[in-house]
Amino acid sequence: MLTLVSFIFVLFLSHYAQAAEADAQRQLIEGAKKEGKLVFYTSVETEFARVLTSGFEAKYPFVKTDIFRSNHERIFSRLNVERKAGTFAADVLSVGEFETYHMQKRGLLTPYKAPSAAVYPEGFKDPDGYWTDFYDNLIVSAYNTTRVKRDELPKSYEDLLHPRWRRRMVLDRNEDRWFANMLHHMGEKKGMEFMQALAKQEIAIRSGRSLITQLMAAGEFDLQIVAYWYRPHLMKKQGAPVDWFSLEPAFVALHPISIVERAPHLNAAKLFIEYVLSEEGQRLLAKRGREPARPGIRPEGYPTQLKVVPSRVELAEKLADYTRRYESLFVK
């Protein structure tokens, strides 16, 4: 008898919670209808930002969206100018994980725990709701398949120190975040010893990971130490002499989404974030070959067997020091 009563009570609580959630959603929609607009500041490529806003507008046609797409420096500058002038325009923000950390520290974000964020694991969302990761860039290594055989590839990070790879590898000049995560993973002492030894391999430095992958396909380099998975994956499908491999743990660069402090269209902002983090919004990204952060949704060909570690957002606190040390070792 007690078990039956307990079951009925749990059933009642579940029904009550669902009804409360449905009522909150209705209120959100009604508020967004009155606002009628959403302003999205982002460093995401315009193509992918528009995919999300178009899907959102199709589902909620009463909200019209504006996108301001730029790099994080210009976005931060614009937010500061608006703040000083008291003319708040932005509702939703999406920049890199380190930039999000600093904007949160400066009080430019406001917390919101979207219901869809509940399924996102630790490390992929802020515990206080200031941000949730909505898509990733899986960090792998890439190589020229005409110049390197598969069985020659490094099996560990330490294998990159083998003499055979001297003067054959390349790094982007802006890999300070990878550098920071590697030191955190290996430990400061061991990590610096590894980086100092790696620097002695006379690694080429260029700007732009996608450009580097293209140059490697053209035969300028044999191995790209840090590449975003989707680029060599797509190039290989298109017939380029490029492939990828991973050294574990494989780090993922995060792309959080947040609500801006004093957002003028707060209901529309909440509705948009809920949509972006939902299964529906995340599948839009997967269909276009990008890497949704929501568990269980991945693009075609994504390596689900890898041990994946999210970028440590708190490392942003000492980014200037990591940048200085990375450049002193590799950028000459």
Protein backbone atom coordinates (compact mmCIF):
# COMPACT_ATOMS: atom_id res chain seq x y z
CA MET A 1 0.00 0.00 0.00
CA LEU A 2 2.83 2.37 0.93
CA THR A 3 4.56 1.64 -2.39
CA LEU A 4 1.41 2.49 -4.33
CA VAL A 5 0.97 5.76 -2.44
CA SER A 6 4.62 6.65 -3.08
CA PHE A 7 4.22 5.89 -6.80
CA ILE A 8 1.10 8.10 -7.01
CA PHE A 9 2.91 10.89 -5.17
CA VAL A 10 5.91 10.74 -7.54
CA LEU A 11 3.55 10.67 -10.52
CA PHE A 12 1.77 13.75 -9.14
CA LEU A 13 5.05 15.61 -8.66
CA SER A 14 6.18 14.73 -12.19
CA HIS A 15 2.89 15.93 -13.67
CA TYR A 16 3.08 19.12 -11.60
CA ALA A 17 6.66 19.82 -12.76
CA GLN A 18 5.72 19.27 -16.40
CA ALA A 19 2.73 21.59 -16.06
CA ALA A 20 4.91 24.27 -14.42
CA GLU A 21 7.51 23.98 -17.19
CA ALA A 22 4.83 24.24 -19.88
CA ASP A 23 3.38 27.33 -18.17
CA ALA A 24 6.84 28.96 -17.97
CA GLN A 25 7.36 28.26 -21.68
CA ARG A 26 4.00 29.86 -22.53
CA GLN A 27 4.92 32.97 -20.54
CA LEU A 28 8.29 33.13 -22.29
CA ILE A 29 6.64 32.94 -25.71
CA GLU A 30 4.10 35.62 -24.81
CA GLY A 31 6.91 37.89 -23.57
CA ALA A 32 8.92 37.31 -26.75
CA LYS A 33 5.88 38.15 -28.89
CA LYS A 34 5.64 41.53 -27.21
CA GLU A 35 9.37 42.20 -27.69
CA GLY A 36 9.37 41.04 -31.32
CA LYS A 37 13.14 41.23 -31.73
CA LEU A 38 16.45 39.55 -30.85
CA VAL A 39 20.01 40.91 -31.27
CA PHE A 40 22.79 38.31 -31.45
CA TYR A 41 26.46 39.30 -31.03
CA THR A 42 28.77 36.49 -32.12
CA SER A 43 32.20 35.52 -33.39
CA VAL A 44 30.72 32.40 -35.03
CA GLU A 45 30.89 32.38 -38.84
CA THR A 46 27.92 34.27 -40.27
CA GLU A 47 26.81 31.18 -42.21
CA PHE A 48 26.33 29.12 -39.05
CA ALA A 49 24.89 31.98 -37.01
CA ARG A 50 22.30 32.50 -39.75
CA VAL A 51 21.45 28.78 -39.77
CA LEU A 52 20.44 29.07 -36.11
CA THR A 53 18.57 32.38 -36.37
CA SER A 54 16.71 31.20 -39.49
CA GLY A 55 15.62 28.02 -37.74
CA PHE A 56 14.57 30.07 -34.72
CA GLU A 57 12.55 32.51 -36.84
CA ALA A 58 10.85 29.63 -38.63
CA LYS A 59 9.69 28.25 -35.30
CA TYR A 60 8.92 31.64 -33.72
CA PRO A 61 8.06 33.94 -36.67
CA PHE A 62 6.99 36.75 -34.34
CA VAL A 63 10.68 37.39 -33.40
CA LYS A 64 12.97 39.03 -35.95
CA THR A 65 16.71 38.57 -35.43
CA ASP A 66 19.68 40.84 -36.07
CA ILE A 67 23.25 39.48 -36.12
CA PHE A 68 26.39 41.46 -35.36
CA ARG A 69 29.27 39.20 -36.36
CA SER A 70 32.85 40.18 -35.56
CA ASN A 71 35.93 39.06 -33.62
CA HIS A 72 35.83 39.03 -29.85
CA GLU A 73 37.91 42.22 -29.46
CA ARG A 74 35.43 44.29 -31.47
CA ILE A 75 32.45 42.68 -29.73
CA PHE A 76 33.94 43.44 -26.31
CA SER A 77 34.69 47.02 -27.39
CA ARG A 78 31.14 47.50 -28.67
CA LEU A 79 29.62 46.13 -25.45
CA ASN A 80 31.80 48.50 -23.42
CA VAL A 81 30.79 51.53 -25.50
CA GLU A 82 27.10 50.62 -25.17
CA ARG A 83 27.49 50.10 -21.44
CA LYS A 84 29.10 53.52 -20.90
CA ALA A 85 26.47 55.21 -23.07
CA GLY A 86 23.61 53.36 -21.40
CA THR A 87 22.29 52.21 -24.80
CA PHE A 88 22.04 48.45 -24.37
CA ALA A 89 21.43 46.66 -27.68
CA ALA A 90 22.72 43.07 -27.43
CA ASP A 91 20.60 40.21 -26.09
CA VAL A 92 22.64 37.08 -26.71
CA LEU A 93 26.40 36.64 -26.94
CA SER A 94 28.57 33.84 -28.32
CA VAL A 95 32.37 34.11 -28.29
CA GLY A 96 35.17 31.70 -27.34
CA GLU A 97 35.34 30.09 -23.92
CA PHE A 98 38.22 32.27 -22.65
CA GLU A 99 36.52 35.48 -23.83
CA THR A 100 33.26 34.37 -22.20
CA TYR A 101 35.14 33.85 -18.93
CA HIS A 102 36.49 37.41 -18.98
CA MET A 103 33.14 38.91 -19.97
CA GLN A 104 31.50 37.08 -17.08
CA LYS A 105 34.18 38.40 -14.70
CA ARG A 106 33.51 41.94 -15.93
CA GLY A 107 29.80 41.64 -15.24
CA LEU A 108 28.71 41.68 -18.88
CA LEU A 109 26.61 38.50 -18.65
CA THR A 110 23.49 37.52 -16.76
CA PRO A 111 22.73 33.93 -15.65
CA TYR A 112 20.01 31.78 -17.19
CA LYS A 113 19.65 28.04 -16.68
CA ALA A 114 17.81 26.95 -19.80
CA PRO A 115 15.83 23.71 -19.38
CA SER A 116 17.66 22.22 -22.39
CA ALA A 117 21.00 22.80 -20.63
CA ALA A 118 20.15 20.16 -18.01
CA VAL A 119 21.49 17.33 -20.24
CA TYR A 120 24.84 19.05 -20.87
CA PRO A 121 27.64 17.53 -18.76
CA GLU A 122 29.95 19.24 -16.29
CA GLY A 123 32.66 21.25 -18.00
CA PHE A 124 30.32 22.17 -20.86
CA LYS A 125 28.26 24.67 -18.86
CA ASP A 126 28.74 27.15 -16.07
CA PRO A 127 27.37 25.82 -12.74
CA ASP A 128 25.69 29.19 -12.08
CA GLY A 129 24.11 29.36 -15.54
CA TYR A 130 26.18 32.18 -17.02
CA TRP A 131 26.95 30.17 -20.17
CA THR A 132 26.40 26.83 -21.89
CA ASP A 133 28.58 25.41 -24.65
CA PHE A 134 26.55 25.03 -27.85
CA TYR A 135 29.14 23.72 -30.29
CA ASP A 136 32.69 22.41 -30.18
CA ASN A 137 35.85 22.19 -32.21
CA LEU A 138 37.53 18.85 -31.62
CA ILE A 139 41.30 19.32 -31.63
CA VAL A 140 43.19 16.64 -33.55
CA SER A 141 46.39 16.45 -35.59
CA ALA A 142 46.49 16.25 -39.39
CA TYR A 143 48.99 14.99 -41.95
CA ASN A 144 49.77 14.86 -45.65
CA THR A 145 48.96 11.32 -46.78
CA THR A 146 51.43 11.39 -49.69
CA ARG A 147 54.33 12.30 -47.40
CA VAL A 148 53.48 10.35 -44.23
CA LYS A 149 52.38 6.73 -43.93
CA ARG A 150 49.66 5.85 -41.46
CA ASP A 151 51.89 3.44 -39.54
CA GLU A 152 54.52 6.19 -39.08
CA LEU A 153 52.18 8.48 -37.17
CA PRO A 154 52.91 9.44 -33.55
CA LYS A 155 51.03 7.38 -30.97
CA SER A 156 51.50 9.86 -28.12
CA TYR A 157 52.46 13.49 -27.59
CA GLU A 158 55.96 12.36 -26.62
CA ASP A 159 56.35 10.73 -30.06
CA LEU A 160 56.33 14.23 -31.56
CA LEU A 161 59.82 14.61 -30.08
CA HIS A 162 61.29 11.86 -32.28
CA PRO A 163 64.07 13.16 -34.58
CA ARG A 164 62.14 12.03 -37.67
CA TRP A 165 59.68 14.92 -37.17
CA ARG A 166 62.27 17.67 -36.95
CA ARG A 167 61.46 20.51 -39.40
CA ARG A 168 58.41 18.62 -40.68
CA MET A 169 55.71 20.02 -38.38
CA VAL A 170 53.71 23.24 -38.18
CA LEU A 171 51.75 25.17 -35.53
CA ASP A 172 49.44 28.17 -35.68
CA ARG A 173 50.95 31.27 -34.10
CA ASN A 174 47.88 31.54 -31.84
CA GLU A 175 47.96 28.17 -30.09
CA ASP A 176 48.33 29.65 -26.60
CA ARG A 177 45.05 28.02 -25.48
CA TRP A 178 46.19 24.58 -26.61
CA PHE A 179 49.48 25.33 -24.82
CA ALA A 180 47.58 26.24 -21.62
CA ASN A 181 45.45 23.08 -21.70
CA MET A 182 48.50 20.90 -22.37
CA LEU A 183 50.35 22.34 -19.36
CA HIS A 184 47.28 21.79 -17.20
CA HIS A 185 46.95 18.19 -18.42
CA MET A 186 50.63 17.26 -18.11
CA GLY A 187 51.36 19.32 -15.03
CA GLU A 188 53.36 22.55 -15.06
CA LYS A 189 56.85 21.04 -14.72
CA LYS A 190 56.45 18.08 -17.07
CA GLY A 191 54.42 20.19 -19.49
CA MET A 192 57.10 22.89 -19.79
CA GLU A 193 59.80 20.26 -20.26
CA PHE A 194 57.74 18.76 -23.09
CA MET A 195 57.13 22.14 -24.74
CA GLN A 196 60.81 23.11 -24.51
CA ALA A 197 61.75 19.83 -26.19
CA LEU A 198 59.03 20.29 -28.82
CA ALA A 199 60.33 23.78 -29.63
CA LYS A 200 63.72 22.26 -30.46
CA GLN A 201 62.03 20.38 -33.33
CA GLU A 202 62.19 23.63 -35.33
CA ILE A 203 58.46 23.81 -35.94
CA ALA A 204 57.17 26.14 -38.66
CA ILE A 205 54.75 28.85 -37.53
CA ARG A 206 51.93 30.16 -39.72
CA SER A 207 48.63 31.98 -39.11
CA GLY A 208 45.22 30.38 -39.55
CA ARG A 209 44.51 26.69 -38.89
CA SER A 210 42.39 26.21 -42.01
CA LEU A 211 45.05 27.85 -44.20
CA ILE A 212 47.72 25.68 -42.57
CA THR A 213 45.74 22.53 -43.42
CA GLN A 214 45.50 23.70 -47.03
CA LEU A 215 49.24 24.41 -47.16
CA MET A 216 49.91 20.97 -45.72
CA ALA A 217 47.74 19.39 -48.41
CA ALA A 218 49.85 21.26 -50.97
CA GLY A 219 52.97 19.62 -49.53
CA GLU A 220 54.48 22.53 -47.59
CA PHE A 221 54.35 20.59 -44.30
CA ASP A 222 54.03 16.94 -43.31
CA LEU A 223 52.19 17.20 -39.99
CA GLN A 224 49.94 19.83 -38.40
CA ILE A 225 50.09 19.41 -34.63
CA VAL A 226 46.84 21.26 -33.87
CA ALA A 227 43.94 21.08 -36.32
CA TYR A 228 40.18 21.31 -35.94
CA TRP A 229 38.75 17.89 -36.86
CA TYR A 230 36.11 19.12 -39.31
CA ARG A 231 38.66 20.73 -41.67
CA PRO A 232 40.84 17.68 -42.60
CA HIS A 233 37.71 15.51 -42.45
CA LEU A 234 35.95 17.62 -45.11
CA MET A 235 39.10 18.05 -47.21
CA LYS A 236 39.67 14.29 -47.24
CA LYS A 237 36.08 13.76 -48.44
CA GLN A 238 36.78 16.22 -51.25
CA GLY A 239 39.83 14.23 -52.38
CA ALA A 240 42.68 16.21 -50.80
CA PRO A 241 45.76 14.21 -49.67
CA VAL A 242 44.95 14.92 -46.02
CA ASP A 243 43.82 12.84 -43.06
CA TRP A 244 43.65 13.28 -39.31
CA PHE A 245 44.64 11.35 -36.20
CA SER A 246 44.28 12.04 -32.51
CA LEU A 247 46.61 12.04 -29.53
CA GLU A 248 44.62 11.46 -26.35
CA PRO A 249 43.23 13.09 -24.44
CA ALA A 250 41.70 15.08 -27.27
CA PHE A 251 40.82 18.61 -26.19
CA VAL A 252 37.71 20.37 -27.45
CA ALA A 253 37.49 24.14 -27.85
CA LEU A 254 34.15 25.39 -26.50
CA HIS A 255 31.82 28.00 -27.95
CA PRO A 256 29.51 29.16 -25.14
CA ILE A 257 26.27 31.06 -25.53
CA SER A 258 25.08 33.58 -22.92
CA ILE A 259 22.57 36.31 -22.20
CA VAL A 260 24.03 39.80 -22.08
CA GLU A 261 23.53 41.88 -18.95
CA ARG A 262 20.47 44.15 -19.25
CA ALA A 263 19.36 42.48 -22.49
CA PRO A 264 16.50 44.62 -23.89
CA HIS A 265 14.66 41.55 -25.25
CA LEU A 266 15.14 39.17 -22.33
CA ASN A 267 12.28 36.78 -23.13
CA ALA A 268 13.39 36.43 -26.76
CA ALA A 269 16.96 35.87 -25.54
CA LYS A 270 15.87 33.03 -23.23
CA LEU A 271 13.72 31.52 -25.96
CA PHE A 272 16.61 31.65 -28.44
CA ILE A 273 19.10 30.01 -26.08
CA GLU A 274 16.59 27.29 -25.27
CA TYR A 275 16.16 26.68 -29.01
CA VAL A 276 19.91 26.65 -29.76
CA LEU A 277 20.58 24.12 -26.96
CA SER A 278 17.59 21.93 -27.82
CA GLU A 279 17.81 18.78 -29.89
CA GLU A 280 16.17 20.60 -32.80
CA GLY A 281 18.68 23.46 -32.82
CA GLN A 282 21.68 21.19 -32.31
CA ARG A 283 20.71 18.95 -35.23
CA LEU A 284 20.84 21.97 -37.55
CA LEU A 285 24.57 22.29 -36.75
CA ALA A 286 25.22 18.56 -37.15
CA LYS A 287 23.61 18.54 -40.60
CA ARG A 288 26.19 21.10 -41.72
CA GLY A 289 29.17 19.16 -40.43
CA ARG A 290 29.75 21.13 -37.22
CA GLU A 291 30.07 19.57 -33.79
CA PRO A 292 27.09 20.14 -31.49
CA ALA A 293 27.83 20.14 -27.76
CA ARG A 294 24.61 18.32 -26.85
CA PRO A 295 25.35 14.67 -25.95
CA GLY A 296 24.25 12.12 -28.53
CA ILE A 297 24.18 14.47 -31.52
CA ARG A 298 27.22 14.32 -33.79
CA PRO A 299 27.95 15.03 -37.47
CA GLU A 300 28.66 12.25 -39.95
CA GLY A 301 32.09 10.70 -39.41
CA TYR A 302 32.66 12.17 -35.95
CA PRO A 303 35.05 9.99 -33.87
CA THR A 304 32.85 9.05 -30.92
CA GLN A 305 35.42 6.63 -29.44
CA LEU A 306 37.94 9.29 -28.42
CA LYS A 307 38.64 10.32 -24.85
CA VAL A 308 37.56 13.96 -25.02
CA VAL A 309 38.36 16.71 -22.48
CA PRO A 310 36.73 20.17 -22.61
CA SER A 311 38.99 23.20 -22.61
CA ARG A 312 39.49 24.48 -19.06
CA VAL A 313 37.69 27.81 -19.04
CA GLU A 314 39.38 28.99 -15.83
CA LEU A 315 42.78 28.91 -17.58
CA ALA A 316 41.70 32.21 -19.12
CA GLU A 317 42.72 33.84 -15.83
CA LYS A 318 46.39 33.47 -16.78
CA LEU A 319 46.08 33.60 -20.57
CA ALA A 320 48.52 36.53 -20.89
CA ASP A 321 51.21 34.46 -19.18
CA TYR A 322 50.49 31.40 -21.34
CA THR A 323 50.61 33.58 -24.46
CA ARG A 324 53.96 35.07 -23.45
CA ARG A 325 55.49 31.64 -22.78
CA TYR A 326 54.09 30.08 -25.96
CA GLU A 327 55.40 32.91 -28.12
CA SER A 328 58.82 32.88 -26.45
CA LEU A 329 59.19 29.18 -27.30
CA PHE A 330 57.59 28.86 -30.71
CA VAL A 331 56.91 32.24 -32.37
CA LYS A 332 60.20 33.72 -33.56
